[in-house]
Amino acid sequence: MRIAIDGMGGDFAPAQTVHGALMAASDLGVEIALVGKPELLTPLVGAGAGVTIVAASEEVTMGEHPARAVRAKPDSSMSVCARLCRQGQAAAWVSAGNSGAIMATAILVQGRLRGVKRPALGTVLPVAGGQCYFVDVGANVGSRPEYLVQFAHMGALYAESVMGRPNPRVGLLSNGEEQGKGDDLVQQAHARLIREQGLNFIGNLEPKEVLAGRADVVVADGFVGNVAIKMAEATAEFIFRTMRDEIPRTWRGRLGGLLIRPAVAGIRQGMDWREFGGAPLLGIDGVAVVAHGRSDKVAVRNAVRVAKHTVEAGLVDKIRLRVGR
């Protein structure tokens, strides 16, 4: 399998991206097409096995307007990655760059699946007892009820096909469990979801129930989902940082810290966003994986793993059959 990586995207590109590409080629048994400026990438790649460089003369920076940048820079590393997929020269592509530009590139170059109203971006979220899939986390702001219904179907297919969850439980994020809770969008989406065939919809979920692991898939508008997921990340970081700063203040704390260190390390690893790598855009006619802008080599390597598993699961064709009609 050949996977394209945007060598110019991300806060730590190209160095960490190249290291992650080399790790992926070595660990995952895939061929990597590293896309970007050869003069920057070649010295970093060296003689790395399984990694070839594909030239792109332009790059989209984090501060640029997504759609304008994509149209103005047809030879950007993102656009070249997407074209490799559209032309069948790569099975998927990965970028840690401007997430809005990744979505715009995927839509303009690869296109949406027929019948998909809006592509969605999901992410794996650690919860009690394992993980859930949270969608949408930022691709859409100002969703409609019919969008949330499609997000639910696409998220359920991801949970079933990629995460191995048969008949996944789907919940709708709200401020209360009752059917009448939530704003107009949530109430209208709830009314539609309870009538959907082929969907194991379990109703509204409050945030505490999400983290308790009550659902395999959590559905939300992109603005709400993005705020929720960033709050969860920030809360986890705050807790671990506070423990790190406060525990060593006394000798009892230092002693206790030594005793709990292995357990805390295991918990931290289970909540480390780098281990999840990235998330594919759902509803695109192809596989495009959005990685965190702060991705280091570990996160890049794991984003390639997500791309590989998404291709192997045939997720795009499954969405095409259920939603793209």
Foldseek 3Di string as FASTA:
>chain_A
DEEEEACAAFPDGNQQLLLLQLVLVVPPVYAYEYEEDCVVNPVNNPPRPRYDYDYADAADAQPDDQLVVCVVRCRHRLLVNLQCCQVVVHQEYEHQHHPQNNLNSLCVRQNFFAQQPFWAWWFWAAAPPGIAIEIHAARADPDALVNQLLRQVLRVLCCCLQVVDPQWEEEEEFQDQDLPGHDPRSNVNQVVNVPDPPHNYPGHDYPVVVRNPPTRYYTDGNVVNNVVVVVVVVVVVVVVVCLVVPQVPDPVSVVVCVVCVVVVVVVCVSRDRLQRLFTFTPRGNGTYTHGHSNHGSSSSSNSVVNNVSCSVSVSNVVSSVPRND
